[in-house]
Amino acid sequence: MSGTQTGGRGPYRTGVRRREQLIAVAIDVFGEQGFAGGSIRAIADKAGVSHATLIQRFGSKEGLLAAVLQEWDRRTVENGLADVSGLDYFRRLPEVMAAHQDNRGLLELFTTIAAEASSPAHPAHAFIAQRYTTNLATLAGHLREAVEVGDVEPLTPAQIQIEVRLVTATLDGIGLQWLLDPSTDVVAGVTTYIDRAIAAWRGRR
């Protein structure tokens, strides 16, 4: 079998590396200028490719943003959430947040885009809203699993929804505080909150 047919070698691998490089540049530009301010042309210029090349690879500015946020999700899973469930999923969140500190550009980008996209008129609004919906559903699924196996006391669906929104708010809030003040102890903050949450979930009657 030739290199052109093998996932790990030849033109295919070169194309994957080039895509990763373009996404890395987009992370930098969007992180510095936000989604609204970061133009496709600026990204293309910084990457040393044509505007047409970026459009051909990603379809649109929104498509490039989707690729960037998919990279965020991929790194999140690789940073400790791939093979855990139930309460262990929540216990791993401090490690995930610590890993995000090594990817400041991505954290800046997500924080900026999430704020910008709160407006329904923003082109990334639907994408960000769906991403939050998916993440909340994932957290809720793991908390339901903890209830089902008896690791925590029973919680109603409404209580589960409130708890996972509080977890999400804590992660987003501590991430933002760290961006503003790098002396913020992200791991200690998230660990403290998760420990208190699990204790509360176990203590409910």
N, C-alpha and C. Protein backbone atom coordinates (compact mmCIF):
# COMPACT_ATOMS: atom_id res chain seq x y z
N MET A 1 0.84 -1.20 0.00
CA MET A 1 0.00 0.00 0.00
C MET A 1 0.87 1.24 0.00
N SER A 2 0.58 2.20 -0.83
CA SER A 2 1.41 3.40 -0.95
C SER A 2 1.11 4.37 0.17
N GLY A 3 2.00 5.40 0.31
CA GLY A 3 1.85 6.41 1.35
C GLY A 3 0.58 7.22 1.19
N THR A 4 0.09 7.36 -0.05
CA THR A 4 -1.11 8.17 -0.27
C THR A 4 -2.35 7.50 0.29
N GLN A 5 -2.25 6.20 0.62
CA GLN A 5 -3.40 5.48 1.13
C GLN A 5 -3.29 5.20 2.62
N THR A 6 -2.25 5.66 3.24
CA THR A 6 -1.99 5.35 4.63
C THR A 6 -2.23 6.58 5.48
N GLY A 7 -3.03 6.41 6.55
CA GLY A 7 -3.37 7.54 7.39
C GLY A 7 -2.20 8.20 8.05
N GLY A 8 -1.09 7.45 8.34
CA GLY A 8 0.00 8.01 9.11
C GLY A 8 1.12 8.59 8.28
N ARG A 9 1.08 8.48 6.93
CA ARG A 9 2.19 8.94 6.12
C ARG A 9 1.69 9.72 4.91
N GLY A 10 2.63 10.31 4.21
CA GLY A 10 2.35 10.91 2.92
C GLY A 10 1.46 12.12 2.95
N PRO A 11 0.82 12.41 1.82
CA PRO A 11 -0.01 13.61 1.69
C PRO A 11 -1.11 13.72 2.74
N TYR A 12 -1.68 12.59 3.14
CA TYR A 12 -2.76 12.65 4.14
C TYR A 12 -2.24 13.26 5.43
N ARG A 13 -1.10 12.73 5.92
CA ARG A 13 -0.54 13.23 7.17
C ARG A 13 -0.11 14.68 7.03
N THR A 14 0.43 15.03 5.89
CA THR A 14 0.82 16.42 5.65
C THR A 14 -0.38 17.34 5.72
N GLY A 15 -1.49 16.89 5.13
CA GLY A 15 -2.71 17.68 5.16
C GLY A 15 -3.25 17.86 6.57
N VAL A 16 -3.15 16.82 7.39
CA VAL A 16 -3.60 16.91 8.78
C VAL A 16 -2.76 17.90 9.55
N ARG A 17 -1.43 17.83 9.35
CA ARG A 17 -0.54 18.77 10.04
C ARG A 17 -0.83 20.21 9.62
N ARG A 18 -1.06 20.41 8.33
CA ARG A 18 -1.33 21.76 7.85
C ARG A 18 -2.64 22.28 8.41
N ARG A 19 -3.65 21.43 8.51
CA ARG A 19 -4.92 21.83 9.11
C ARG A 19 -4.71 22.23 10.57
N GLU A 20 -3.92 21.45 11.30
CA GLU A 20 -3.63 21.75 12.70
C GLU A 20 -2.92 23.10 12.82
N GLN A 21 -2.01 23.39 11.90
CA GLN A 21 -1.28 24.66 11.91
C GLN A 21 -2.24 25.83 11.68
N LEU A 22 -3.16 25.67 10.74
CA LEU A 22 -4.12 26.73 10.44
C LEU A 22 -5.04 26.98 11.63
N ILE A 23 -5.45 25.91 12.29
CA ILE A 23 -6.30 26.06 13.47
C ILE A 23 -5.54 26.77 14.58
N ALA A 24 -4.25 26.45 14.73
CA ALA A 24 -3.43 27.11 15.75
C ALA A 24 -3.33 28.61 15.49
N VAL A 25 -3.19 29.00 14.24
CA VAL A 25 -3.14 30.43 13.90
C VAL A 25 -4.49 31.08 14.20
N ALA A 26 -5.57 30.39 13.84
CA ALA A 26 -6.91 30.92 14.12
C ALA A 26 -7.13 31.12 15.61
N ILE A 27 -6.63 30.20 16.42
CA ILE A 27 -6.73 30.33 17.87
C ILE A 27 -6.06 31.61 18.32
N ASP A 28 -4.88 31.88 17.78
CA ASP A 28 -4.15 33.10 18.16
C ASP A 28 -4.91 34.36 17.75
N VAL A 29 -5.37 34.38 16.52
CA VAL A 29 -6.04 35.58 15.99
C VAL A 29 -7.37 35.81 16.69
N PHE A 30 -8.19 34.77 16.80
CA PHE A 30 -9.47 34.91 17.49
C PHE A 30 -9.26 35.26 18.96
N GLY A 31 -8.23 34.65 19.57
CA GLY A 31 -7.96 34.93 20.97
C GLY A 31 -7.58 36.38 21.21
N GLU A 32 -6.83 36.96 20.26
CA GLU A 32 -6.40 38.35 20.40
C GLU A 32 -7.48 39.34 20.00
N GLN A 33 -8.25 39.02 18.96
CA GLN A 33 -9.17 39.99 18.38
C GLN A 33 -10.65 39.64 18.54
N GLY A 34 -10.93 38.45 19.10
CA GLY A 34 -12.31 38.00 19.19
C GLY A 34 -12.80 37.47 17.85
N PHE A 35 -13.97 36.87 17.86
CA PHE A 35 -14.50 36.32 16.61
C PHE A 35 -14.86 37.43 15.64
N ALA A 36 -15.47 38.50 16.17
CA ALA A 36 -15.91 39.60 15.29
C ALA A 36 -14.72 40.31 14.67
N GLY A 37 -13.67 40.52 15.46
CA GLY A 37 -12.53 41.28 14.97
C GLY A 37 -11.52 40.47 14.19
N GLY A 38 -11.49 39.18 14.43
CA GLY A 38 -10.51 38.34 13.74
C GLY A 38 -11.01 37.91 12.37
N SER A 39 -10.48 38.53 11.32
CA SER A 39 -10.97 38.25 9.97
C SER A 39 -10.27 37.03 9.36
N ILE A 40 -10.94 36.43 8.40
CA ILE A 40 -10.35 35.33 7.65
C ILE A 40 -9.06 35.79 6.98
N ARG A 41 -9.08 37.02 6.46
CA ARG A 41 -7.89 37.54 5.78
C ARG A 41 -6.71 37.68 6.74
N ALA A 42 -7.00 38.14 7.97
CA ALA A 42 -5.93 38.28 8.96
C ALA A 42 -5.34 36.92 9.31
N ILE A 43 -6.20 35.92 9.42
CA ILE A 43 -5.73 34.57 9.72
C ILE A 43 -4.92 34.02 8.57
N ALA A 44 -5.41 34.23 7.36
CA ALA A 44 -4.70 33.75 6.17
C ALA A 44 -3.33 34.41 6.06
N ASP A 45 -3.28 35.72 6.28
CA ASP A 45 -2.00 36.44 6.19
C ASP A 45 -1.00 35.91 7.21
N LYS A 46 -1.46 35.70 8.44
CA LYS A 46 -0.57 35.22 9.50
C LYS A 46 -0.11 33.80 9.23
N ALA A 47 -0.98 33.00 8.59
CA ALA A 47 -0.63 31.61 8.29
C ALA A 47 0.18 31.47 7.01
N GLY A 48 0.23 32.55 6.23
CA GLY A 48 0.97 32.49 4.98
C GLY A 48 0.26 31.73 3.88
N VAL A 49 -1.09 31.78 3.90
CA VAL A 49 -1.87 31.12 2.86
C VAL A 49 -2.85 32.13 2.29
N SER A 50 -3.54 31.75 1.24
CA SER A 50 -4.51 32.65 0.64
C SER A 50 -5.85 32.57 1.36
N HIS A 51 -6.63 33.63 1.20
CA HIS A 51 -8.00 33.65 1.73
C HIS A 51 -8.78 32.48 1.17
N ALA A 52 -8.60 32.20 -0.11
CA ALA A 52 -9.33 31.11 -0.77
C ALA A 52 -8.98 29.75 -0.17
N THR A 53 -7.73 29.58 0.24
CA THR A 53 -7.31 28.31 0.84
C THR A 53 -8.05 28.04 2.14
N LEU A 54 -8.18 29.06 2.96
CA LEU A 54 -8.91 28.89 4.22
C LEU A 54 -10.37 28.56 3.98
N ILE A 55 -10.99 29.27 3.04
CA ILE A 55 -12.40 29.01 2.73
C ILE A 55 -12.56 27.59 2.19
N GLN A 56 -11.62 27.16 1.36
CA GLN A 56 -11.70 25.82 0.78
C GLN A 56 -11.62 24.75 1.87
N ARG A 57 -10.78 24.97 2.87
CA ARG A 57 -10.59 23.98 3.92
C ARG A 57 -11.72 23.99 4.95
N PHE A 58 -12.24 25.17 5.29
CA PHE A 58 -13.18 25.27 6.41
C PHE A 58 -14.58 25.75 6.01
N GLY A 59 -14.75 26.20 4.77
CA GLY A 59 -16.06 26.58 4.28
C GLY A 59 -16.46 28.01 4.57
N SER A 60 -16.16 28.49 5.78
CA SER A 60 -16.55 29.84 6.18
C SER A 60 -15.82 30.20 7.47
N LYS A 61 -15.99 31.43 7.89
CA LYS A 61 -15.42 31.87 9.17
C LYS A 61 -16.04 31.06 10.31
N GLU A 62 -17.34 30.82 10.24
CA GLU A 62 -18.01 30.04 11.26
C GLU A 62 -17.49 28.60 11.27
N GLY A 63 -17.19 28.07 10.08
CA GLY A 63 -16.64 26.72 9.99
C GLY A 63 -15.26 26.64 10.64
N LEU A 64 -14.47 27.68 10.48
CA LEU A 64 -13.15 27.73 11.12
C LEU A 64 -13.31 27.81 12.63
N LEU A 65 -14.27 28.61 13.10
CA LEU A 65 -14.52 28.68 14.54
C LEU A 65 -14.94 27.32 15.08
N ALA A 66 -15.79 26.62 14.34
CA ALA A 66 -16.22 25.28 14.77
C ALA A 66 -15.03 24.35 14.90
N ALA A 67 -14.09 24.43 13.94
CA ALA A 67 -12.90 23.59 13.99
C ALA A 67 -12.04 23.92 15.20
N VAL A 68 -11.95 25.20 15.52
CA VAL A 68 -11.18 25.64 16.68
C VAL A 68 -11.80 25.10 17.97
N LEU A 69 -13.12 25.21 18.11
CA LEU A 69 -13.78 24.74 19.32
C LEU A 69 -13.78 23.22 19.41
N GLN A 70 -13.77 22.55 18.27
CA GLN A 70 -13.63 21.10 18.28
C GLN A 70 -12.24 20.71 18.78
N GLU A 71 -11.24 21.53 18.46
CA GLU A 71 -9.89 21.30 18.98
C GLU A 71 -9.87 21.47 20.49
N TRP A 72 -10.60 22.47 20.99
CA TRP A 72 -10.73 22.67 22.43
C TRP A 72 -11.33 21.41 23.08
N ASP A 73 -12.40 20.89 22.47
CA ASP A 73 -13.04 19.70 23.02
C ASP A 73 -12.10 18.50 22.98
N ARG A 74 -11.35 18.36 21.88
CA ARG A 74 -10.42 17.23 21.75
C ARG A 74 -9.37 17.28 22.86
N ARG A 75 -8.80 18.44 23.08
CA ARG A 75 -7.78 18.57 24.11
C ARG A 75 -8.37 18.33 25.49
N THR A 76 -9.61 18.75 25.69
CA THR A 76 -10.27 18.53 26.98
C THR A 76 -10.39 17.05 27.27
N VAL A 77 -10.83 16.28 26.27
CA VAL A 77 -10.97 14.84 26.44
C VAL A 77 -9.61 14.20 26.70
N GLU A 78 -8.60 14.60 25.91
CA GLU A 78 -7.27 14.03 26.07
C GLU A 78 -6.68 14.38 27.44
N ASN A 79 -7.13 15.49 28.01
CA ASN A 79 -6.59 15.93 29.29
C ASN A 79 -7.28 15.27 30.49
N GLY A 80 -7.98 14.16 30.27
CA GLY A 80 -8.44 13.41 31.43
C GLY A 80 -9.89 12.99 31.49
N LEU A 81 -10.69 13.26 30.46
CA LEU A 81 -12.10 12.93 30.56
C LEU A 81 -12.54 11.79 29.64
N ALA A 82 -11.58 11.14 29.02
CA ALA A 82 -11.94 10.14 28.01
C ALA A 82 -12.53 8.88 28.62
N ASP A 83 -12.02 8.41 29.74
CA ASP A 83 -12.40 7.09 30.25
C ASP A 83 -12.93 7.14 31.68
N VAL A 84 -13.59 8.23 32.04
CA VAL A 84 -14.13 8.34 33.39
C VAL A 84 -15.62 8.63 33.32
N SER A 85 -16.33 8.28 34.39
CA SER A 85 -17.77 8.52 34.43
C SER A 85 -18.20 8.71 35.87
N GLY A 86 -19.47 9.06 36.05
CA GLY A 86 -19.99 9.26 37.39
C GLY A 86 -19.24 10.35 38.13
N LEU A 87 -19.03 10.16 39.42
CA LEU A 87 -18.34 11.17 40.22
C LEU A 87 -16.89 11.36 39.79
N ASP A 88 -16.27 10.32 39.23
CA ASP A 88 -14.88 10.46 38.78
C ASP A 88 -14.76 11.52 37.69
N TYR A 89 -15.80 11.68 36.90
CA TYR A 89 -15.79 12.72 35.87
C TYR A 89 -15.64 14.10 36.53
N PHE A 90 -16.39 14.33 37.59
CA PHE A 90 -16.32 15.61 38.29
C PHE A 90 -14.98 15.78 39.00
N ARG A 91 -14.45 14.69 39.55
CA ARG A 91 -13.17 14.77 40.26
C ARG A 91 -12.01 15.10 39.33
N ARG A 92 -12.17 14.81 38.05
CA ARG A 92 -11.11 15.10 37.09
C ARG A 92 -11.14 16.55 36.59
N LEU A 93 -12.20 17.26 36.86
CA LEU A 93 -12.33 18.62 36.33
C LEU A 93 -11.20 19.56 36.76
N PRO A 94 -10.68 19.48 37.99
CA PRO A 94 -9.55 20.35 38.33
C PRO A 94 -8.33 20.10 37.43
N GLU A 95 -8.08 18.83 37.07
CA GLU A 95 -6.95 18.52 36.18
C GLU A 95 -7.19 19.10 34.79
N VAL A 96 -8.42 19.02 34.33
CA VAL A 96 -8.74 19.57 33.02
C VAL A 96 -8.52 21.07 33.00
N MET A 97 -8.97 21.75 34.04
CA MET A 97 -8.78 23.20 34.12
C MET A 97 -7.30 23.56 34.20
N ALA A 98 -6.52 22.73 34.91
CA ALA A 98 -5.08 22.97 34.99
C ALA A 98 -4.45 22.86 33.60
N ALA A 99 -4.91 21.87 32.82
CA ALA A 99 -4.38 21.70 31.47
C ALA A 99 -4.76 22.87 30.57
N HIS A 100 -5.94 23.45 30.79
CA HIS A 100 -6.35 24.61 29.99
C HIS A 100 -5.38 25.78 30.21
N GLN A 101 -4.73 25.83 31.37
CA GLN A 101 -3.78 26.91 31.63
C GLN A 101 -2.57 26.82 30.70
N ASP A 102 -2.32 25.62 30.17
CA ASP A 102 -1.23 25.45 29.21
C ASP A 102 -1.67 25.82 27.80
N ASN A 103 -2.94 26.14 27.64
CA ASN A 103 -3.50 26.53 26.34
C ASN A 103 -4.25 27.84 26.51
N ARG A 104 -3.53 28.87 26.96
CA ARG A 104 -4.16 30.13 27.29
C ARG A 104 -4.93 30.70 26.09
N GLY A 105 -4.36 30.56 24.90
CA GLY A 105 -5.03 31.09 23.71
C GLY A 105 -6.42 30.50 23.52
N LEU A 106 -6.55 29.19 23.73
CA LEU A 106 -7.85 28.54 23.60
C LEU A 106 -8.81 29.00 24.68
N LEU A 107 -8.31 29.14 25.91
CA LEU A 107 -9.18 29.59 26.99
C LEU A 107 -9.64 31.02 26.76
N GLU A 108 -8.73 31.88 26.31
CA GLU A 108 -9.09 33.26 25.98
C GLU A 108 -10.14 33.28 24.87
N LEU A 109 -9.91 32.45 23.86
CA LEU A 109 -10.83 32.41 22.72
C LEU A 109 -12.23 31.98 23.17
N PHE A 110 -12.30 30.88 23.91
CA PHE A 110 -13.61 30.40 24.30
C PHE A 110 -14.33 31.42 25.17
N THR A 111 -13.61 32.02 26.10
CA THR A 111 -14.23 33.02 26.99
C THR A 111 -14.74 34.21 26.19
N THR A 112 -13.94 34.66 25.23
CA THR A 112 -14.32 35.81 24.40
C THR A 112 -15.52 35.48 23.52
N ILE A 113 -15.45 34.33 22.85
CA ILE A 113 -16.52 33.95 21.93
C ILE A 113 -17.82 33.70 22.69
N ALA A 114 -17.74 33.05 23.85
CA ALA A 114 -18.95 32.76 24.61
C ALA A 114 -19.66 34.05 25.00
N ALA A 115 -18.88 35.08 25.38
CA ALA A 115 -19.49 36.36 25.75
C ALA A 115 -20.08 37.05 24.52
N GLU A 116 -19.32 37.07 23.42
CA GLU A 116 -19.81 37.72 22.20
C GLU A 116 -21.08 37.05 21.69
N ALA A 117 -21.10 35.72 21.77
CA ALA A 117 -22.19 34.96 21.16
C ALA A 117 -23.44 34.91 22.02
N SER A 118 -23.45 35.62 23.16
CA SER A 118 -24.68 35.69 23.95
C SER A 118 -25.78 36.44 23.20
N SER A 119 -25.38 37.25 22.24
CA SER A 119 -26.35 37.95 21.41
C SER A 119 -26.90 37.00 20.34
N PRO A 120 -28.22 36.87 20.23
CA PRO A 120 -28.79 36.00 19.19
C PRO A 120 -28.38 36.39 17.78
N ALA A 121 -27.96 37.64 17.60
CA ALA A 121 -27.57 38.09 16.27
C ALA A 121 -26.16 37.66 15.91
N HIS A 122 -25.40 37.19 16.87
CA HIS A 122 -24.01 36.80 16.61
C HIS A 122 -23.99 35.54 15.75
N PRO A 123 -23.12 35.49 14.74
CA PRO A 123 -23.11 34.32 13.84
C PRO A 123 -22.74 33.01 14.53
N ALA A 124 -22.09 33.09 15.69
CA ALA A 124 -21.72 31.86 16.39
C ALA A 124 -22.69 31.53 17.52
N HIS A 125 -23.79 32.29 17.63
CA HIS A 125 -24.72 32.10 18.75
C HIS A 125 -25.26 30.67 18.81
N ALA A 126 -25.75 30.16 17.70
CA ALA A 126 -26.34 28.82 17.69
C ALA A 126 -25.30 27.77 18.06
N PHE A 127 -24.10 27.94 17.54
CA PHE A 127 -23.04 26.97 17.79
C PHE A 127 -22.68 26.94 19.28
N ILE A 128 -22.47 28.12 19.88
CA ILE A 128 -22.10 28.20 21.28
C ILE A 128 -23.23 27.71 22.17
N ALA A 129 -24.46 28.09 21.84
CA ALA A 129 -25.61 27.64 22.62
C ALA A 129 -25.71 26.11 22.61
N GLN A 130 -25.49 25.51 21.44
CA GLN A 130 -25.54 24.05 21.33
C GLN A 130 -24.41 23.41 22.11
N ARG A 131 -23.25 24.04 22.09
CA ARG A 131 -22.10 23.51 22.80
C ARG A 131 -22.37 23.49 24.30
N TYR A 132 -22.97 24.56 24.82
CA TYR A 132 -23.33 24.58 26.24
C TYR A 132 -24.38 23.52 26.54
N THR A 133 -25.36 23.38 25.66
CA THR A 133 -26.39 22.38 25.86
C THR A 133 -25.79 20.98 25.94
N THR A 134 -24.85 20.70 25.04
CA THR A 134 -24.19 19.39 25.01
C THR A 134 -23.37 19.15 26.26
N ASN A 135 -22.61 20.16 26.69
CA ASN A 135 -21.78 20.00 27.88
C ASN A 135 -22.62 19.81 29.14
N LEU A 136 -23.71 20.56 29.23
CA LEU A 136 -24.60 20.41 30.38
C LEU A 136 -25.22 19.01 30.39
N ALA A 137 -25.58 18.52 29.22
CA ALA A 137 -26.15 17.17 29.13
C ALA A 137 -25.14 16.12 29.55
N THR A 138 -23.88 16.32 29.19
CA THR A 138 -22.82 15.38 29.58
C THR A 138 -22.66 15.36 31.09
N LEU A 139 -22.58 16.54 31.70
CA LEU A 139 -22.46 16.61 33.16
C LEU A 139 -23.67 15.99 33.84
N ALA A 140 -24.86 16.30 33.32
CA ALA A 140 -26.08 15.75 33.91
C ALA A 140 -26.09 14.22 33.82
N GLY A 141 -25.62 13.69 32.72
CA GLY A 141 -25.56 12.24 32.55
C GLY A 141 -24.67 11.59 33.59
N HIS A 142 -23.53 12.20 33.87
CA HIS A 142 -22.61 11.64 34.86
C HIS A 142 -23.17 11.76 36.28
N LEU A 143 -23.87 12.85 36.55
CA LEU A 143 -24.47 12.99 37.88
C LEU A 143 -25.63 12.01 38.05
N ARG A 144 -26.40 11.79 37.00
CA ARG A 144 -27.47 10.78 37.07
C ARG A 144 -26.88 9.40 37.31
N GLU A 145 -25.77 9.13 36.67
CA GLU A 145 -25.12 7.83 36.86
C GLU A 145 -24.70 7.66 38.32
N ALA A 146 -24.16 8.73 38.92
CA ALA A 146 -23.76 8.67 40.33
C ALA A 146 -24.96 8.40 41.23
N VAL A 147 -26.11 8.99 40.87
CA VAL A 147 -27.34 8.73 41.63
C VAL A 147 -27.75 7.27 41.47
N GLU A 148 -27.72 6.77 40.24
CA GLU A 148 -28.20 5.41 39.95
C GLU A 148 -27.36 4.34 40.64
N VAL A 149 -26.06 4.57 40.78
CA VAL A 149 -25.21 3.56 41.43
C VAL A 149 -25.11 3.78 42.94
N GLY A 150 -25.80 4.79 43.45
CA GLY A 150 -25.82 5.02 44.88
C GLY A 150 -24.65 5.79 45.45
N ASP A 151 -23.86 6.43 44.58
CA ASP A 151 -22.73 7.21 45.07
C ASP A 151 -23.17 8.52 45.70
N VAL A 152 -24.35 9.00 45.33
CA VAL A 152 -24.91 10.21 45.94
C VAL A 152 -26.39 9.95 46.24
N GLU A 153 -26.95 10.82 47.05
CA GLU A 153 -28.37 10.69 47.39
C GLU A 153 -29.23 11.04 46.16
N PRO A 154 -30.49 10.60 46.14
CA PRO A 154 -31.36 10.88 45.00
C PRO A 154 -31.50 12.38 44.73
N LEU A 155 -31.48 12.70 43.45
CA LEU A 155 -31.68 14.08 42.98
C LEU A 155 -32.75 14.06 41.91
N THR A 156 -33.62 15.03 41.94
CA THR A 156 -34.63 15.14 40.89
C THR A 156 -33.97 15.68 39.62
N PRO A 157 -34.61 15.49 38.46
CA PRO A 157 -34.07 16.08 37.23
C PRO A 157 -33.84 17.58 37.36
N ALA A 158 -34.74 18.27 38.01
CA ALA A 158 -34.58 19.72 38.18
C ALA A 158 -33.36 20.04 39.04
N GLN A 159 -33.15 19.27 40.10
CA GLN A 159 -31.98 19.49 40.96
C GLN A 159 -30.69 19.21 40.21
N ILE A 160 -30.70 18.16 39.40
CA ILE A 160 -29.50 17.83 38.61
C ILE A 160 -29.17 18.97 37.66
N GLN A 161 -30.19 19.53 37.01
CA GLN A 161 -29.95 20.64 36.09
C GLN A 161 -29.34 21.84 36.81
N ILE A 162 -29.82 22.14 37.99
CA ILE A 162 -29.27 23.26 38.75
C ILE A 162 -27.81 22.97 39.12
N GLU A 163 -27.54 21.76 39.59
CA GLU A 163 -26.18 21.42 40.02
C GLU A 163 -25.18 21.50 38.87
N VAL A 164 -25.53 21.00 37.70
CA VAL A 164 -24.56 21.01 36.60
C VAL A 164 -24.37 22.43 36.05
N ARG A 165 -25.40 23.26 36.15
CA ARG A 165 -25.22 24.67 35.76
C ARG A 165 -24.28 25.38 36.72
N LEU A 166 -24.37 25.04 38.01
CA LEU A 166 -23.46 25.63 38.98
C LEU A 166 -22.02 25.16 38.74
N VAL A 167 -21.85 23.90 38.38
CA VAL A 167 -20.51 23.41 38.05
C VAL A 167 -19.95 24.17 36.85
N THR A 168 -20.77 24.31 35.82
CA THR A 168 -20.34 25.03 34.61
C THR A 168 -19.99 26.48 34.92
N ALA A 169 -20.83 27.12 35.71
CA ALA A 169 -20.57 28.51 36.07
C ALA A 169 -19.27 28.65 36.85
N THR A 170 -18.97 27.69 37.71
CA THR A 170 -17.73 27.73 38.48
C THR A 170 -16.52 27.59 37.56
N LEU A 171 -16.57 26.65 36.65
CA LEU A 171 -15.44 26.45 35.72
C LEU A 171 -15.22 27.70 34.87
N ASP A 172 -16.30 28.24 34.31
CA ASP A 172 -16.17 29.43 33.47
C ASP A 172 -15.66 30.61 34.29
N GLY A 173 -16.20 30.78 35.49
CA GLY A 173 -15.83 31.92 36.32
C GLY A 173 -14.39 31.88 36.77
N ILE A 174 -13.92 30.72 37.21
CA ILE A 174 -12.53 30.62 37.66
C ILE A 174 -11.58 30.76 36.48
N GLY A 175 -11.98 30.24 35.33
CA GLY A 175 -11.15 30.43 34.13
C GLY A 175 -10.99 31.90 33.80
N LEU A 176 -12.09 32.65 33.87
CA LEU A 176 -12.03 34.08 33.59
C LEU A 176 -11.18 34.81 34.63
N GLN A 177 -11.33 34.45 35.89
CA GLN A 177 -10.51 35.09 36.93
C GLN A 177 -9.03 34.85 36.69
N TRP A 178 -8.69 33.64 36.24
CA TRP A 178 -7.28 33.33 35.97
C TRP A 178 -6.75 34.16 34.80
N LEU A 179 -7.58 34.33 33.77
CA LEU A 179 -7.16 35.15 32.63
C LEU A 179 -6.87 36.59 33.08
N LEU A 180 -7.68 37.09 34.00
CA LEU A 180 -7.50 38.45 34.49
C LEU A 180 -6.37 38.55 35.51
N ASP A 181 -6.18 37.48 36.28
CA ASP A 181 -5.16 37.48 37.34
C ASP A 181 -4.51 36.10 37.38
N PRO A 182 -3.37 35.93 36.71
CA PRO A 182 -2.71 34.62 36.62
C PRO A 182 -2.29 34.03 37.97
N SER A 183 -2.34 34.82 39.04
CA SER A 183 -2.00 34.27 40.36
C SER A 183 -3.16 33.45 40.93
N THR A 184 -4.32 33.49 40.27
CA THR A 184 -5.48 32.72 40.72
C THR A 184 -5.15 31.23 40.74
N ASP A 185 -5.41 30.58 41.85
CA ASP A 185 -5.15 29.14 41.97
C ASP A 185 -6.36 28.38 41.42
N VAL A 186 -6.31 28.10 40.15
CA VAL A 186 -7.43 27.45 39.47
C VAL A 186 -7.71 26.07 40.04
N VAL A 187 -6.67 25.28 40.23
CA VAL A 187 -6.86 23.90 40.70
C VAL A 187 -7.46 23.89 42.10
N ALA A 188 -6.94 24.72 42.99
CA ALA A 188 -7.48 24.76 44.36
C ALA A 188 -8.93 25.22 44.36
N GLY A 189 -9.24 26.21 43.54
CA GLY A 189 -10.60 26.72 43.50
C GLY A 189 -11.59 25.68 43.00
N VAL A 190 -11.25 25.03 41.89
CA VAL A 190 -12.16 24.02 41.33
C VAL A 190 -12.25 22.81 42.24
N THR A 191 -11.11 22.39 42.80
CA THR A 191 -11.12 21.24 43.71
C THR A 191 -12.00 21.51 44.92
N THR A 192 -11.87 22.69 45.49
CA THR A 192 -12.69 23.05 46.66
C THR A 192 -14.17 23.00 46.33
N TYR A 193 -14.54 23.57 45.17
CA TYR A 193 -15.95 23.59 44.80
C TYR A 193 -16.46 22.17 44.56
N ILE A 194 -15.71 21.36 43.80
CA ILE A 194 -16.16 20.01 43.48
C ILE A 194 -16.27 19.17 44.75
N ASP A 195 -15.31 19.28 45.65
CA ASP A 195 -15.38 18.53 46.91
C ASP A 195 -16.64 18.91 47.70
N ARG A 196 -16.93 20.21 47.76
CA ARG A 196 -18.12 20.66 48.49
C ARG A 196 -19.40 20.18 47.80
N ALA A 197 -19.39 20.22 46.46
CA ALA A 197 -20.58 19.77 45.72
C ALA A 197 -20.84 18.30 45.96
N ILE A 198 -19.79 17.47 45.87
CA ILE A 198 -19.96 16.03 46.07
C ILE A 198 -20.43 15.75 47.50
N ALA A 199 -19.86 16.47 48.46
CA ALA A 199 -20.29 16.28 49.85
C ALA A 199 -21.77 16.63 50.01
N ALA A 200 -22.21 17.70 49.35
CA ALA A 200 -23.62 18.10 49.42
C ALA A 200 -24.50 17.05 48.74
N TRP A 201 -24.07 16.56 47.59
CA TRP A 201 -24.86 15.55 46.89
C TRP A 201 -25.00 14.28 47.73
N ARG A 202 -23.96 13.95 48.46
CA ARG A 202 -24.00 12.74 49.29
C ARG A 202 -24.82 12.95 50.56
N GLY A 203 -24.95 14.20 50.97
CA GLY A 203 -25.65 14.49 52.23
C GLY A 203 -27.12 14.76 52.08
N ARG A 204 -27.63 14.81 50.87
CA ARG A 204 -29.05 15.11 50.66
C ARG A 204 -29.92 13.95 51.15
N ARG A 205 -31.07 14.30 51.68
CA ARG A 205 -32.02 13.29 52.13
C ARG A 205 -33.38 13.56 51.50
